[in-house]
Amino acid sequence: MEPKIKNKKEARRRRIKMRISKKYFAPHLKPTAAIPVVWTTGLCSPEAYSLAAALESRINEESIEKAAIRSAEAYSRFQKCSLGAAKKLMWYN
């Protein structure tokens, strides 16, 4: 599930980044049968706080989209960047 993006150029750029991320991690995850909840779309520091936020969200039975948002909120808070920028880094499957 992708966020709704009005600009086609932005949508294409995001899909390309996602393909790069999946291209790298998918072969390593496939043998484990793991289902990724949150992907990152660029170089960032997904430390314990962002992973804990996504995990806590899923434990509370929130949607995968909400888990990505919670992860972005935590990333924004700890890295002192805007929430908008953090949301662009966190992608949900």
C-alpha atoms as a PDB file:
ATOM      1  CA  MET A   1       0.000   0.000   0.000  1.00  0.00           C
ATOM      2  CA  GLU A   2       1.528   3.307  -1.116  1.00  0.00           C
ATOM      3  CA  PRO A   3       0.646   6.756   0.161  1.00  0.00           C
ATOM      4  CA  LYS A   4      -1.381   8.836  -2.289  1.00  0.00           C
ATOM      5  CA  ILE A   5       0.937  11.122  -4.208  1.00  0.00           C
ATOM      6  CA  LYS A   6      -0.474  13.658  -6.663  1.00  0.00           C
ATOM      7  CA  ASN A   7       2.766  14.352  -8.512  1.00  0.00           C
ATOM      8  CA  LYS A   8       3.675  11.525 -10.923  1.00  0.00           C
ATOM      9  CA  LYS A   9       7.368  12.415 -10.865  1.00  0.00           C
ATOM     10  CA  GLU A  10       7.437  12.123  -7.040  1.00  0.00           C
ATOM     11  CA  ALA A  11       5.551   8.815  -7.209  1.00  0.00           C
ATOM     12  CA  ARG A  12       8.068   7.397  -9.690  1.00  0.00           C
ATOM     13  CA  ARG A  13      11.024   8.593  -7.575  1.00  0.00           C
ATOM     14  CA  ARG A  14       9.577   6.928  -4.471  1.00  0.00           C
ATOM     15  CA  ARG A  15       8.914   3.649  -6.292  1.00  0.00           C
ATOM     16  CA  ILE A  16      12.499   3.602  -7.534  1.00  0.00           C
ATOM     17  CA  LYS A  17      13.844   4.133  -4.010  1.00  0.00           C
ATOM     18  CA  MET A  18      11.588   1.399  -2.708  1.00  0.00           C
ATOM     19  CA  ARG A  19      12.816  -0.979  -5.399  1.00  0.00           C
ATOM     20  CA  ILE A  20      16.406  -0.262  -4.386  1.00  0.00           C
ATOM     21  CA  SER A  21      15.616  -0.986  -0.728  1.00  0.00           C
ATOM     22  CA  LYS A  22      13.694  -4.153  -1.556  1.00  0.00           C
ATOM     23  CA  LYS A  23      16.368  -5.217  -4.020  1.00  0.00           C
ATOM     24  CA  TYR A  24      18.936  -5.162  -1.219  1.00  0.00           C
ATOM     25  CA  PHE A  25      16.936  -6.651   1.667  1.00  0.00           C
ATOM     26  CA  ALA A  26      14.392  -8.950   0.009  1.00  0.00           C
ATOM     27  CA  PRO A  27      16.839 -11.790  -0.786  1.00  0.00           C
ATOM     28  CA  HIS A  28      17.969 -11.835   2.850  1.00  0.00           C
ATOM     29  CA  LEU A  29      14.416 -11.788   4.233  1.00  0.00           C
ATOM     30  CA  LYS A  30      12.902 -14.322   1.828  1.00  0.00           C
ATOM     31  CA  PRO A  31      14.398 -17.452   3.474  1.00  0.00           C
ATOM     32  CA  THR A  32      13.069 -16.314   6.859  1.00  0.00           C
ATOM     33  CA  ALA A  33       9.487 -15.822   5.593  1.00  0.00           C
ATOM     34  CA  ALA A  34       9.524 -12.491   7.459  1.00  0.00           C
ATOM     35  CA  ILE A  35       7.054  -9.826   6.388  1.00  0.00           C
ATOM     36  CA  PRO A  36       8.595  -6.350   6.677  1.00  0.00           C
ATOM     37  CA  VAL A  37       6.419  -3.781   8.417  1.00  0.00           C
ATOM     38  CA  VAL A  38       8.462  -0.646   7.747  1.00  0.00           C
ATOM     39  CA  TRP A  39      11.068  -0.051   5.054  1.00  0.00           C
ATOM     40  CA  THR A  40      13.342   2.967   4.890  1.00  0.00           C
ATOM     41  CA  THR A  41      13.501   4.847   1.611  1.00  0.00           C
ATOM     42  CA  GLY A  42      16.875   6.444   2.094  1.00  0.00           C
ATOM     43  CA  LEU A  43      19.951   6.515   4.227  1.00  0.00           C
ATOM     44  CA  CYS A  44      18.919   7.072   7.813  1.00  0.00           C
ATOM     45  CA  SER A  45      19.552   5.833  11.293  1.00  0.00           C
ATOM     46  CA  PRO A  46      16.649   3.488  12.192  1.00  0.00           C
ATOM     47  CA  GLU A  47      17.668   3.001  15.796  1.00  0.00           C
ATOM     48  CA  ALA A  48      15.800   1.189  18.569  1.00  0.00           C
ATOM     49  CA  TYR A  49      13.302   3.986  19.190  1.00  0.00           C
ATOM     50  CA  SER A  50      11.903   3.847  15.645  1.00  0.00           C
ATOM     51  CA  LEU A  51      11.772   0.055  15.689  1.00  0.00           C
ATOM     52  CA  ALA A  52      10.156   0.070  19.154  1.00  0.00           C
ATOM     53  CA  ALA A  53       7.499   2.522  17.966  1.00  0.00           C
ATOM     54  CA  ALA A  54       6.589   0.311  14.988  1.00  0.00           C
ATOM     55  CA  LEU A  55       6.553  -2.822  17.138  1.00  0.00           C
ATOM     56  CA  GLU A  56       4.436  -1.214  19.852  1.00  0.00           C
ATOM     57  CA  SER A  57       1.982  -0.043  17.218  1.00  0.00           C
ATOM     58  CA  ARG A  58       1.596  -3.564  15.813  1.00  0.00           C
ATOM     59  CA  ILE A  59       1.248  -5.064  19.312  1.00  0.00           C
ATOM     60  CA  ASN A  60      -1.619  -2.614  19.841  1.00  0.00           C
ATOM     61  CA  GLU A  61      -3.136  -4.021  16.625  1.00  0.00           C
ATOM     62  CA  GLU A  62      -2.789  -0.790  14.676  1.00  0.00           C
ATOM     63  CA  SER A  63      -2.452  -0.930  10.898  1.00  0.00           C
ATOM     64  CA  ILE A  64       0.897  -1.281   9.166  1.00  0.00           C
ATOM     65  CA  GLU A  65       0.439   2.252   7.843  1.00  0.00           C
ATOM     66  CA  LYS A  66       0.004   3.507  11.420  1.00  0.00           C
ATOM     67  CA  ALA A  67       3.141   1.598  12.476  1.00  0.00           C
ATOM     68  CA  ALA A  68       5.132   3.435   9.804  1.00  0.00           C
ATOM     69  CA  ILE A  69       3.716   6.758  10.988  1.00  0.00           C
ATOM     70  CA  ARG A  70       4.568   5.981  14.622  1.00  0.00           C
ATOM     71  CA  SER A  71       8.075   5.015  13.546  1.00  0.00           C
ATOM     72  CA  ALA A  72       8.413   8.293  11.630  1.00  0.00           C
ATOM     73  CA  GLU A  73       7.183  10.253  14.662  1.00  0.00           C
ATOM     74  CA  ALA A  74       9.814   8.631  16.869  1.00  0.00           C
ATOM     75  CA  TYR A  75      12.522   9.204  14.236  1.00  0.00           C
ATOM     76  CA  SER A  76      11.496  12.858  13.942  1.00  0.00           C
ATOM     77  CA  ARG A  77      11.561  13.365  17.704  1.00  0.00           C
ATOM     78  CA  PHE A  78      14.969  11.779  18.337  1.00  0.00           C
ATOM     79  CA  GLN A  79      16.749  12.972  15.190  1.00  0.00           C
ATOM     80  CA  LYS A  80      15.247  16.459  15.505  1.00  0.00           C
ATOM     81  CA  CYS A  81      14.038  16.573  11.928  1.00  0.00           C
ATOM     82  CA  SER A  82      10.613  17.519  10.622  1.00  0.00           C
ATOM     83  CA  LEU A  83       7.841  14.942  10.739  1.00  0.00           C
ATOM     84  CA  GLY A  84       7.358  15.402   6.993  1.00  0.00           C
ATOM     85  CA  ALA A  85      10.971  14.474   6.326  1.00  0.00           C
ATOM     86  CA  ALA A  86      10.756  11.491   8.667  1.00  0.00           C
ATOM     87  CA  LYS A  87       7.562  10.269   6.972  1.00  0.00           C
ATOM     88  CA  LYS A  88       9.373  10.303   3.629  1.00  0.00           C
ATOM     89  CA  LEU A  89      12.019   7.980   5.118  1.00  0.00           C
ATOM     90  CA  MET A  90       9.596   5.392   6.539  1.00  0.00           C
ATOM     91  CA  TRP A  91       7.673   3.256   4.055  1.00  0.00           C
ATOM     92  CA  TYR A  92       5.141   0.562   4.758  1.00  0.00           C
ATOM     93  CA  ASN A  93       4.488  -2.594   2.795  1.00  0.00           C
END
